Amino acid sequence: MQKVSNRLTKFSILLVSVITASAPAINANIPALARAFPTIPLSQVELLTTIPSFFLMLSILFSGWVAQKIGLKQTVMLGVTITAVAGLTPVFTNSFGLILISRAAFGLGVGLFNSLLVTIISSFYGGQERSKLIGFQSIFEGLGGVLVTFIAGQLMNLGWHASFWAYLITIPALVFFMLFVPKIPTVKNNVETEKDLPKVPLFNGRLISLLILTFIVVSLYMIMGIKVPTLMVNSGYGTTTSASYVILALSLGSMTGGAIFGKLYDLVKNYVIVFGFGSLAIAMALIALSNTTVLTILGGFLTGLGFRLYIPWALNIVNMGGKGNPWATSFILMSYNLAGSLAPYTALLLQSVFKIKQLRSIFWMNTIAYLIIAVMVVLLLVGFKRFHRRTLDEV
């Protein structure tokens, strides 16, 4: 471990973390972008907000390989550079195709460095200092989502092009990291040989179930994010700027959910997920009923809160017992990003299957879906404890 005490080094690493949750910052742009590109189907316009997730998922798969080839610091700098160029490209172009490519590249860039930040922290710091900095890294990630969303929302008053200036934060992040983070020696992975891997099946019933559940939960969650701005504008009680406050509340709710998960889990154990799905169901119902920005903002906050109770619960389940599948976390995150990237088309499919013509009906569908999932989870936890314990022992 390379010892580094410079406060600027810590700040530079944390500043890069600000970028990792900034992709949804322009979700409130959807109505304005739909007007700017009237010949483009709405589902393709909505894809601008979700396609980063797909390419983020892809780049996570080879970010470690790139780091082994060119070094950790260089990989982060490459990723932030790609993110900076891609994030700011829509400011200067009216080509929908180029904007779509830039959004894909944005996800690609973020995926190159976001999975390496903890590794970098661990390269420089140990013990309580490392744990503390990892905690700050999570906080900066959440604050980054809030900050960039807020700035993008304010700039939206100047037009949809201007809102992308919010990604200017990538420039100082790149400069600080380049100047104040020392070169990090390339180290080999701790797990090198097949004999070092835990002898567990790559997939089991519990992991497959959680992958499916994660895909469903994230799909419904992302549908909320991409449909709320259009609902507010079409219903006449909000603008693209006020819709950005809902996305902001979503980020604040996510931060709150992440902050309380540990303590809530200590109190109620796996029943924490019932609170998560309950919060999501209430949020969807509030948005479906809402005719005011304030009520929709509350729905956004509860959505973020409930969702951030689900994700750590799912990751905890697949890693329970300390002998879990080493690939489980990666598969859960891949399911997360795949669902996010496909959300516009998932919404179209659900609208077609259930003959949904009104936007509010989508949120009623989400409400019912989350309630059904909550009931199923309660039945699993209460009525099938013996089966639950047996499946846990498989991993």
Protein backbone atom coordinates (compact mmCIF):
# COMPACT_ATOMS: atom_id res chain seq x y z
CA MET A 1 0.00 0.00 0.00
CA GLN A 2 1.41 3.37 -1.07
CA LYS A 3 1.17 5.89 1.81
CA VAL A 4 -0.29 9.27 0.88
CA SER A 5 -1.43 11.94 3.34
CA ASN A 6 -1.99 14.93 1.07
CA ARG A 7 -5.50 16.33 1.55
CA LEU A 8 -5.57 17.41 -2.09
CA THR A 9 -5.08 13.78 -3.08
CA LYS A 10 -8.14 12.75 -1.09
CA PHE A 11 -10.17 15.64 -2.47
CA SER A 12 -9.11 14.81 -6.03
CA ILE A 13 -10.28 11.20 -5.68
CA LEU A 14 -13.57 12.33 -4.12
CA LEU A 15 -14.10 14.93 -6.86
CA VAL A 16 -14.03 12.18 -9.48
CA SER A 17 -16.71 10.38 -7.44
CA VAL A 18 -19.02 13.35 -8.04
CA ILE A 19 -19.32 12.34 -11.71
CA THR A 20 -20.35 8.71 -11.20
CA ALA A 21 -24.04 9.41 -10.43
CA SER A 22 -24.51 12.34 -12.80
CA ALA A 23 -25.89 10.53 -15.87
CA PRO A 24 -29.59 10.96 -14.85
CA ALA A 25 -29.11 14.71 -14.31
CA ILE A 26 -30.65 15.53 -17.69
CA ASN A 27 -33.74 13.30 -17.29
CA ALA A 28 -35.90 16.40 -16.93
CA ASN A 29 -34.75 17.41 -20.43
CA ILE A 30 -36.98 14.80 -22.07
CA PRO A 31 -39.97 17.09 -22.91
CA ALA A 32 -37.66 19.79 -24.31
CA LEU A 33 -35.68 17.24 -26.32
CA ALA A 34 -38.91 15.69 -27.63
CA ARG A 35 -39.95 19.14 -28.92
CA ALA A 36 -36.51 19.75 -30.41
CA PHE A 37 -36.64 16.43 -32.32
CA PRO A 38 -40.33 16.03 -33.28
CA THR A 39 -39.58 13.36 -35.90
CA ILE A 40 -37.80 11.11 -33.36
CA PRO A 41 -40.06 8.65 -31.46
CA LEU A 42 -40.38 9.48 -27.77
CA SER A 43 -38.92 6.11 -26.78
CA GLN A 44 -35.71 6.97 -28.64
CA VAL A 45 -35.57 10.41 -27.00
CA GLU A 46 -35.96 8.72 -23.62
CA LEU A 47 -33.11 6.40 -24.58
CA LEU A 48 -30.77 9.39 -24.19
CA THR A 49 -31.28 9.19 -20.44
CA THR A 50 -30.85 5.42 -20.12
CA ILE A 51 -28.27 4.38 -22.74
CA PRO A 52 -25.38 5.42 -20.45
CA SER A 53 -26.39 2.56 -18.12
CA PHE A 54 -25.93 -0.03 -20.87
CA PHE A 55 -22.48 1.16 -21.88
CA LEU A 56 -21.49 1.63 -18.24
CA MET A 57 -22.32 -2.04 -17.75
CA LEU A 58 -20.18 -3.03 -20.74
CA SER A 59 -17.17 -0.95 -19.73
CA ILE A 60 -17.19 -2.33 -16.18
CA LEU A 61 -16.42 -5.72 -17.72
CA PHE A 62 -13.10 -4.58 -19.21
CA SER A 63 -12.08 -1.65 -16.96
CA GLY A 64 -9.90 -3.95 -14.85
CA TRP A 65 -8.17 -5.27 -17.97
CA VAL A 66 -7.50 -1.71 -19.18
CA ALA A 67 -6.11 -0.81 -15.74
CA GLN A 68 -3.75 -3.78 -15.90
CA LYS A 69 -2.49 -2.59 -19.30
CA ILE A 70 -2.07 1.16 -18.74
CA GLY A 71 -2.32 1.62 -14.96
CA LEU A 72 -5.05 2.66 -12.52
CA LYS A 73 -4.41 6.40 -12.65
CA GLN A 74 -4.23 6.44 -16.45
CA THR A 75 -7.47 4.43 -16.72
CA VAL A 76 -9.30 6.88 -14.47
CA MET A 77 -7.95 9.83 -16.44
CA LEU A 78 -9.00 8.16 -19.70
CA GLY A 79 -12.49 7.52 -18.35
CA VAL A 80 -12.94 11.07 -17.03
CA THR A 81 -11.66 12.52 -20.32
CA ILE A 82 -14.18 10.47 -22.30
CA THR A 83 -16.91 11.51 -19.87
CA ALA A 84 -15.97 15.19 -20.16
CA VAL A 85 -15.99 15.21 -23.97
CA ALA A 86 -19.17 13.14 -24.17
CA GLY A 87 -20.98 15.09 -21.48
CA LEU A 88 -20.38 18.45 -23.15
CA THR A 89 -20.88 17.35 -26.78
CA PRO A 90 -24.70 18.01 -26.78
CA VAL A 91 -24.00 21.68 -25.99
CA PHE A 92 -22.55 22.14 -29.48
CA THR A 93 -24.67 19.93 -31.75
CA ASN A 94 -28.22 19.58 -33.04
CA SER A 95 -27.63 16.08 -34.40
CA PHE A 96 -29.73 13.55 -32.51
CA GLY A 97 -27.48 10.72 -33.66
CA LEU A 98 -24.37 12.46 -32.33
CA ILE A 99 -26.10 13.22 -29.02
CA LEU A 100 -27.08 9.55 -28.69
CA ILE A 101 -23.48 8.47 -29.36
CA SER A 102 -22.20 10.99 -26.82
CA ARG A 103 -24.56 9.65 -24.16
CA ALA A 104 -23.35 6.11 -24.86
CA ALA A 105 -19.76 7.32 -24.59
CA PHE A 106 -20.60 9.06 -21.31
CA GLY A 107 -21.63 5.73 -19.78
CA LEU A 108 -18.55 4.07 -21.25
CA GLY A 109 -16.31 6.66 -19.61
CA VAL A 110 -17.97 6.41 -16.20
CA GLY A 111 -17.77 2.62 -16.31
CA LEU A 112 -14.02 2.79 -16.86
CA PHE A 113 -13.36 4.51 -13.55
CA ASN A 114 -16.27 4.09 -11.12
CA SER A 115 -15.41 0.48 -10.28
CA LEU A 116 -11.75 1.43 -9.69
CA LEU A 117 -12.21 4.23 -7.16
CA VAL A 118 -12.34 1.92 -4.12
CA THR A 119 -9.26 0.11 -5.43
CA ILE A 120 -7.44 3.44 -5.70
CA ILE A 121 -8.44 4.41 -2.16
CA SER A 122 -7.21 1.03 -0.92
CA SER A 123 -3.89 1.59 -2.72
CA PHE A 124 -3.18 4.71 -0.66
CA TYR A 125 -4.97 4.25 2.65
CA GLY A 126 -5.60 1.55 5.22
CA GLY A 127 -7.58 0.83 8.37
CA GLN A 128 -10.03 3.44 9.64
CA GLU A 129 -8.69 6.06 7.23
CA ARG A 130 -9.62 3.84 4.29
CA SER A 131 -13.07 3.05 5.67
CA LYS A 132 -13.71 6.72 6.34
CA LEU A 133 -12.66 7.74 2.85
CA ILE A 134 -14.79 5.02 1.25
CA GLY A 135 -17.74 6.40 3.22
CA PHE A 136 -16.96 9.90 1.96
CA GLN A 137 -16.69 8.51 -1.56
CA SER A 138 -20.27 7.25 -1.34
CA ILE A 139 -21.44 10.61 0.05
CA PHE A 140 -19.68 12.57 -2.72
CA GLU A 141 -21.26 10.27 -5.30
CA GLY A 142 -24.72 11.06 -3.95
CA LEU A 143 -23.99 14.77 -3.59
CA GLY A 144 -22.69 14.79 -7.16
CA GLY A 145 -25.99 13.48 -8.47
CA VAL A 146 -27.84 16.16 -6.52
CA LEU A 147 -25.48 18.98 -7.52
CA VAL A 148 -25.34 18.20 -11.25
CA THR A 149 -29.11 17.67 -11.38
CA PHE A 150 -29.74 21.01 -9.69
CA ILE A 151 -27.35 22.89 -11.99
CA ALA A 152 -28.81 21.22 -15.09
CA GLY A 153 -32.31 22.15 -13.92
CA GLN A 154 -31.39 25.81 -13.53
CA LEU A 155 -29.58 25.95 -16.86
CA MET A 156 -32.64 24.43 -18.55
CA ASN A 157 -34.21 27.87 -18.41
CA LEU A 158 -31.67 28.86 -21.07
CA GLY A 159 -32.58 25.90 -23.31
CA TRP A 160 -31.84 22.20 -23.47
CA HIS A 161 -28.37 22.79 -24.96
CA ALA A 162 -27.35 24.87 -21.94
CA SER A 163 -28.37 22.20 -19.41
CA PHE A 164 -25.47 20.00 -20.57
CA TRP A 165 -23.01 22.64 -19.32
CA ALA A 166 -23.64 21.02 -15.92
CA TYR A 167 -21.11 18.39 -16.98
CA LEU A 168 -18.40 21.04 -16.90
CA ILE A 169 -17.65 19.64 -13.42
CA THR A 170 -15.73 16.88 -15.23
CA ILE A 171 -12.96 19.34 -16.20
CA PRO A 172 -11.77 20.30 -12.68
CA ALA A 173 -12.19 16.65 -11.65
CA LEU A 174 -9.78 15.63 -14.42
CA VAL A 175 -7.29 18.42 -13.67
CA PHE A 176 -7.21 17.78 -9.91
CA PHE A 177 -6.83 14.02 -10.38
CA MET A 178 -4.04 14.49 -12.91
CA LEU A 179 -2.10 16.96 -10.72
CA PHE A 180 -2.57 15.67 -7.18
CA VAL A 181 -3.02 11.89 -7.37
CA PRO A 182 0.32 10.06 -7.55
CA LYS A 183 0.91 7.31 -10.05
CA ILE A 184 -0.45 4.04 -8.69
CA PRO A 185 1.64 0.91 -9.19
CA THR A 186 -0.16 -1.81 -11.13
CA VAL A 187 -0.81 -4.81 -8.94
CA LYS A 188 -2.02 -8.26 -9.81
CA ASN A 189 -5.46 -9.35 -8.76
CA ASN A 190 -5.66 -11.14 -5.41
CA VAL A 191 -7.55 -13.98 -7.05
CA GLU A 192 -5.35 -15.32 -9.81
CA THR A 193 -5.95 -19.01 -10.09
CA GLU A 194 -8.93 -21.27 -10.22
CA LYS A 195 -7.91 -22.96 -6.97
CA ASP A 196 -8.22 -19.60 -5.16
CA LEU A 197 -11.88 -19.23 -6.09
CA PRO A 198 -14.62 -20.39 -3.68
CA LYS A 199 -16.04 -23.70 -4.83
CA VAL A 200 -19.59 -22.51 -5.46
CA PRO A 201 -21.80 -22.74 -8.54
CA LEU A 202 -21.69 -19.68 -10.78
CA PHE A 203 -25.50 -19.47 -10.66
CA ASN A 204 -28.00 -20.78 -8.14
CA GLY A 205 -31.73 -20.40 -7.57
CA ARG A 206 -31.39 -17.46 -5.24
CA LEU A 207 -29.09 -15.47 -7.53
CA ILE A 208 -31.27 -16.12 -10.58
CA SER A 209 -34.36 -15.02 -8.62
CA LEU A 210 -32.62 -11.84 -7.50
CA LEU A 211 -31.41 -11.07 -11.02
CA ILE A 212 -34.99 -11.30 -12.28
CA LEU A 213 -36.35 -9.30 -9.35
CA THR A 214 -33.67 -6.63 -9.80
CA PHE A 215 -34.50 -6.31 -13.49
CA ILE A 216 -38.20 -5.81 -12.68
CA VAL A 217 -37.62 -3.40 -9.79
CA VAL A 218 -35.10 -1.29 -11.72
CA SER A 219 -37.28 -1.23 -14.85
CA LEU A 220 -40.23 0.19 -12.91
CA TYR A 221 -37.94 2.61 -11.10
CA MET A 222 -36.40 3.91 -14.33
CA ILE A 223 -39.80 4.23 -15.99
CA MET A 224 -40.70 6.64 -13.19
CA GLY A 225 -37.60 8.73 -13.87
CA ILE A 226 -38.16 9.08 -17.61
CA LYS A 227 -41.95 9.54 -17.53
CA VAL A 228 -42.37 12.04 -14.68
CA PRO A 229 -41.12 15.10 -16.65
CA THR A 230 -43.50 14.33 -19.53
CA LEU A 231 -46.38 13.73 -17.09
CA MET A 232 -45.82 17.06 -15.33
CA VAL A 233 -45.55 19.07 -18.54
CA ASN A 234 -48.47 17.35 -20.32
CA SER A 235 -50.70 17.65 -17.23
CA GLY A 236 -50.00 21.37 -17.07
CA TYR A 237 -48.76 21.62 -13.49
CA GLY A 238 -45.02 21.62 -14.10
CA THR A 239 -42.16 22.68 -16.37
CA THR A 240 -38.91 21.00 -17.29
CA THR A 241 -37.22 23.04 -14.56
CA SER A 242 -39.72 21.97 -11.87
CA ALA A 243 -39.39 18.39 -13.15
CA SER A 244 -35.66 18.63 -12.41
CA TYR A 245 -36.58 19.21 -8.75
CA VAL A 246 -38.27 15.80 -8.77
CA ILE A 247 -35.06 14.20 -10.07
CA LEU A 248 -33.21 16.16 -7.39
CA ALA A 249 -35.58 14.79 -4.73
CA LEU A 250 -34.96 11.31 -6.17
CA SER A 251 -31.23 11.74 -5.51
CA LEU A 252 -31.86 13.07 -2.00
CA GLY A 253 -34.14 10.13 -1.28
CA SER A 254 -31.45 7.75 -2.53
CA MET A 255 -28.91 9.32 -0.19
CA THR A 256 -31.33 9.02 2.72
CA GLY A 257 -32.14 5.39 1.92
CA GLY A 258 -28.46 4.50 1.72
CA ALA A 259 -27.77 6.30 5.01
CA ILE A 260 -30.51 4.54 7.01
CA PHE A 261 -30.24 1.06 5.51
CA GLY A 262 -27.66 -0.24 7.97
CA LYS A 263 -29.52 0.82 11.10
CA LEU A 264 -32.89 -0.28 9.72
CA TYR A 265 -31.46 -3.66 8.75
CA ASP A 266 -30.12 -4.12 12.27
CA LEU A 267 -33.64 -3.56 13.61
CA VAL A 268 -35.79 -5.60 11.22
CA LYS A 269 -33.27 -7.73 9.25
CA ASN A 270 -34.60 -8.86 5.86
CA TYR A 271 -37.97 -7.21 6.51
CA VAL A 272 -36.22 -3.97 5.57
CA ILE A 273 -37.20 -4.74 1.99
CA VAL A 274 -40.89 -4.51 2.92
CA PHE A 275 -40.25 -0.89 3.90
CA GLY A 276 -38.48 -0.42 0.58
CA PHE A 277 -41.30 -1.74 -1.58
CA GLY A 278 -43.87 0.01 0.61
CA SER A 279 -42.10 3.33 0.02
CA LEU A 280 -41.96 2.67 -3.72
CA ALA A 281 -45.67 1.78 -3.88
CA ILE A 282 -46.69 4.91 -1.94
CA ALA A 283 -44.43 7.03 -4.15
CA MET A 284 -45.98 5.72 -7.37
CA ALA A 285 -49.51 6.30 -6.03
CA LEU A 286 -48.65 9.87 -5.02
CA ILE A 287 -47.29 10.63 -8.50
CA ALA A 288 -50.33 9.05 -10.15
CA LEU A 289 -52.66 11.21 -8.04
CA SER A 290 -50.59 14.38 -8.10
CA ASN A 291 -51.58 17.66 -9.70
CA THR A 292 -48.91 19.71 -7.91
CA THR A 293 -45.15 19.89 -8.14
CA VAL A 294 -44.77 19.56 -4.36
CA LEU A 295 -46.62 16.24 -4.19
CA THR A 296 -44.67 14.88 -7.15
CA ILE A 297 -41.40 15.94 -5.49
CA LEU A 298 -42.46 14.00 -2.40
CA GLY A 299 -43.14 11.00 -4.65
CA GLY A 300 -39.66 11.37 -6.14
CA PHE A 301 -38.06 11.44 -2.69
CA LEU A 302 -39.92 8.30 -1.56
CA THR A 303 -38.97 6.56 -4.81
CA GLY A 304 -35.26 7.18 -4.21
CA LEU A 305 -35.62 6.15 -0.55
CA GLY A 306 -37.34 2.86 -1.34
CA PHE A 307 -35.02 1.97 -4.19
CA ARG A 308 -31.92 2.51 -2.06
CA LEU A 309 -33.31 0.13 0.51
CA TYR A 310 -33.66 -2.54 -2.18
CA ILE A 311 -30.20 -2.42 -3.78
CA PRO A 312 -28.09 -2.97 -0.60
CA TRP A 313 -30.61 -5.62 0.54
CA ALA A 314 -30.15 -7.56 -2.71
CA LEU A 315 -26.35 -7.28 -2.55
CA ASN A 316 -26.39 -8.38 1.08
CA ILE A 317 -28.53 -11.42 0.24
CA VAL A 318 -26.20 -12.70 -2.50
CA ASN A 319 -23.12 -12.23 -0.31
CA MET A 320 -24.63 -13.57 2.92
CA GLY A 321 -22.55 -15.97 4.93
CA GLY A 322 -19.18 -14.74 3.70
CA LYS A 323 -18.84 -17.54 1.13
CA GLY A 324 -21.02 -16.22 -1.63
CA ASN A 325 -20.52 -16.40 -5.37
CA PRO A 326 -17.67 -13.98 -6.21
CA TRP A 327 -19.50 -12.96 -9.39
CA ALA A 328 -22.86 -12.32 -7.70
CA THR A 329 -22.41 -8.60 -7.08
CA SER A 330 -21.27 -8.02 -10.65
CA PHE A 331 -24.27 -9.89 -12.04
CA ILE A 332 -26.67 -7.87 -9.87
CA LEU A 333 -25.12 -4.62 -11.09
CA MET A 334 -25.26 -5.82 -14.68
CA SER A 335 -28.97 -6.64 -14.28
CA TYR A 336 -29.41 -3.15 -12.80
CA ASN A 337 -27.77 -1.40 -15.75
CA LEU A 338 -29.38 -3.59 -18.39
CA ALA A 339 -32.83 -2.83 -16.99
CA GLY A 340 -32.00 0.86 -16.87
CA SER A 341 -30.83 1.00 -20.47
CA LEU A 342 -33.90 -0.86 -21.76
CA ALA A 343 -36.42 1.13 -19.67
CA PRO A 344 -37.93 3.17 -22.56
CA TYR A 345 -38.68 0.00 -24.51
CA THR A 346 -39.88 -1.83 -21.40
CA ALA A 347 -42.33 1.05 -20.90
CA LEU A 348 -43.53 0.71 -24.50
CA LEU A 349 -43.96 -3.05 -24.08
CA LEU A 350 -45.97 -2.67 -20.86
CA GLN A 351 -48.13 0.04 -22.40
CA SER A 352 -48.84 -2.24 -25.33
CA VAL A 353 -49.53 -5.38 -23.27
CA PHE A 354 -51.78 -3.65 -20.72
CA LYS A 355 -53.36 -1.24 -23.24
CA ILE A 356 -52.17 1.80 -21.28
CA LYS A 357 -52.88 5.12 -22.99
CA GLN A 358 -52.66 7.60 -20.10
CA LEU A 359 -49.35 8.41 -18.42
CA ARG A 360 -50.95 8.34 -14.98
CA SER A 361 -51.97 4.74 -15.61
CA ILE A 362 -48.31 3.76 -15.88
CA PHE A 363 -47.77 4.93 -12.30
CA TRP A 364 -50.86 3.04 -11.10
CA MET A 365 -49.39 -0.03 -12.79
CA ASN A 366 -46.12 0.55 -10.93
CA THR A 367 -48.02 0.95 -7.65
CA ILE A 368 -49.79 -2.38 -8.11
CA ALA A 369 -46.58 -4.12 -9.20
CA TYR A 370 -44.62 -2.96 -6.14
CA LEU A 371 -47.49 -3.95 -3.82
CA ILE A 372 -47.62 -7.43 -5.37
CA ILE A 373 -43.84 -7.80 -5.00
CA ALA A 374 -44.05 -6.64 -1.36
CA VAL A 375 -46.75 -9.21 -0.59
CA MET A 376 -44.74 -11.97 -2.27
CA VAL A 377 -41.65 -11.06 -0.25
CA VAL A 378 -43.66 -11.07 3.00
CA LEU A 379 -45.04 -14.51 2.14
CA LEU A 380 -41.49 -15.71 1.45
CA LEU A 381 -40.13 -14.31 4.70
CA VAL A 382 -43.04 -15.39 6.90
CA GLY A 383 -44.54 -18.48 5.29
CA PHE A 384 -41.49 -20.13 3.80
CA LYS A 385 -38.74 -19.55 6.38
CA ARG A 386 -37.55 -23.13 6.15
CA PHE A 387 -37.23 -22.90 2.37
CA HIS A 388 -35.53 -19.53 2.73
CA ARG A 389 -32.91 -20.93 5.10
CA ARG A 390 -32.24 -23.88 2.82
CA THR A 391 -31.62 -21.62 -0.21
CA LEU A 392 -29.30 -19.42 1.85
CA ASP A 393 -27.24 -22.49 2.76
CA GLU A 394 -26.71 -23.29 -0.92
CA VAL A 395 -24.33 -20.38 -1.31
